[in-house]
Amino acid sequence: MKKTNRKSHALYSRWNNIISRCYNKNSKDYKWYGGIGIRVCDRWLDFFLFAEDMYPSYQEGLTLDRKENDKGYSKDNCRWVTMKTQNQNT
């Protein structure tokens, strides 16, 4: 994957949001993620490795979902789903 213009990549805002809600105490969603111990796997702290793992299965209109809500963000625990499916995963 070309390592330039990450901010213009289709997945950058999604990655940035998960990093923010897990590590930025000023994020409005931190209390529901980082505040309860949800973390991002070490590999995904690098945007390009996150994109390498998740871009092949990405489709426009889908959202990143954790299969098991008490576990963090990692390739084994994440998938792309519709908002309907994500809302059912509580």
Protein backbone atom coordinates (compact mmCIF):
# COMPACT_ATOMS: atom_id res chain seq x y z
CA MET A 1 0.00 0.00 0.00
CA LYS A 2 1.27 3.43 -0.89
CA LYS A 3 2.19 5.25 2.33
CA THR A 4 1.23 8.78 1.30
CA ASN A 5 -1.98 10.76 1.65
CA ARG A 6 -3.35 8.62 4.46
CA LYS A 7 -5.85 11.34 5.38
CA SER A 8 -7.47 11.01 1.96
CA HIS A 9 -7.76 7.21 2.25
CA ALA A 10 -11.34 5.88 2.50
CA LEU A 11 -10.61 4.28 5.88
CA TYR A 12 -8.67 7.09 7.53
CA SER A 13 -11.60 8.78 9.27
CA ARG A 14 -12.84 5.43 10.58
CA TRP A 15 -9.39 4.60 11.95
CA ASN A 16 -8.98 8.05 13.44
CA ASN A 17 -12.35 7.72 15.19
CA ILE A 18 -11.48 4.40 16.83
CA ILE A 19 -8.12 5.76 17.99
CA SER A 20 -9.81 8.85 19.40
CA ARG A 21 -12.56 7.06 21.30
CA CYS A 22 -10.09 4.59 22.79
CA TYR A 23 -7.27 6.98 23.75
CA ASN A 24 -8.47 10.61 23.75
CA LYS A 25 -10.02 11.43 27.12
CA ASN A 26 -11.58 14.53 25.54
CA SER A 27 -13.52 12.46 23.00
CA LYS A 28 -17.27 12.45 23.69
CA ASP A 29 -17.24 8.65 23.26
CA TYR A 30 -14.15 7.92 25.39
CA LYS A 31 -16.25 6.93 28.42
CA TRP A 32 -17.83 4.10 26.40
CA TYR A 33 -14.54 2.82 24.94
CA GLY A 34 -11.21 3.84 26.44
CA GLY A 35 -12.89 4.63 29.74
CA ILE A 36 -13.94 0.99 30.13
CA GLY A 37 -10.69 -0.48 28.82
CA ILE A 38 -11.44 -0.95 25.11
CA ARG A 39 -8.15 -0.64 23.22
CA VAL A 40 -6.80 -0.95 19.70
CA CYS A 41 -4.36 -3.78 19.04
CA ASP A 42 -0.73 -2.68 18.69
CA ARG A 43 -0.70 -3.46 14.97
CA TRP A 44 -3.61 -1.11 14.29
CA LEU A 45 -1.95 1.83 15.99
CA ASP A 46 -0.32 2.18 12.56
CA PHE A 47 -2.98 3.35 10.10
CA PHE A 48 -1.38 1.57 7.15
CA LEU A 49 -1.45 -1.80 8.92
CA PHE A 50 -5.12 -1.25 9.86
CA ALA A 51 -5.88 -0.46 6.20
CA GLU A 52 -3.89 -3.49 5.04
CA ASP A 53 -6.03 -5.74 7.23
CA MET A 54 -9.44 -4.16 6.69
CA TYR A 55 -9.50 -2.48 3.27
CA PRO A 56 -9.79 -5.74 1.28
CA SER A 57 -13.20 -6.44 2.85
CA TYR A 58 -14.38 -2.81 3.03
CA GLN A 59 -17.49 -1.74 1.12
CA GLU A 60 -18.97 1.76 1.01
CA GLY A 61 -21.89 2.14 3.40
CA LEU A 62 -20.67 -0.43 5.91
CA THR A 63 -19.49 0.33 9.43
CA LEU A 64 -16.72 -1.23 11.51
CA ASP A 65 -18.14 -3.54 14.16
CA ARG A 66 -16.52 -5.43 17.03
CA LYS A 67 -17.88 -8.98 17.12
CA GLU A 68 -17.40 -9.17 20.88
CA ASN A 69 -18.14 -5.84 22.52
CA ASP A 70 -16.04 -6.52 25.60
CA LYS A 71 -12.92 -7.01 23.45
CA GLY A 72 -10.88 -4.37 21.65
CA TYR A 73 -10.28 -3.50 18.04
CA SER A 74 -8.27 -6.12 16.12
CA LYS A 75 -8.50 -8.02 12.86
CA ASP A 76 -9.88 -11.09 14.64
CA ASN A 77 -12.59 -9.12 16.43
CA CYS A 78 -13.69 -6.66 13.74
CA ARG A 79 -15.77 -6.87 10.61
CA TRP A 80 -17.64 -4.57 8.21
CA VAL A 81 -21.40 -4.70 8.69
CA THR A 82 -24.55 -2.74 7.94
CA MET A 83 -25.77 -0.31 10.57
CA LYS A 84 -28.72 -2.66 11.20
CA THR A 85 -26.37 -5.52 12.06
CA GLN A 86 -24.23 -3.28 14.24
CA ASN A 87 -27.26 -2.06 16.18
CA GLN A 88 -28.16 -5.67 16.93
CA ASN A 89 -24.67 -6.33 18.35
CA THR A 90 -25.06 -4.97 21.88
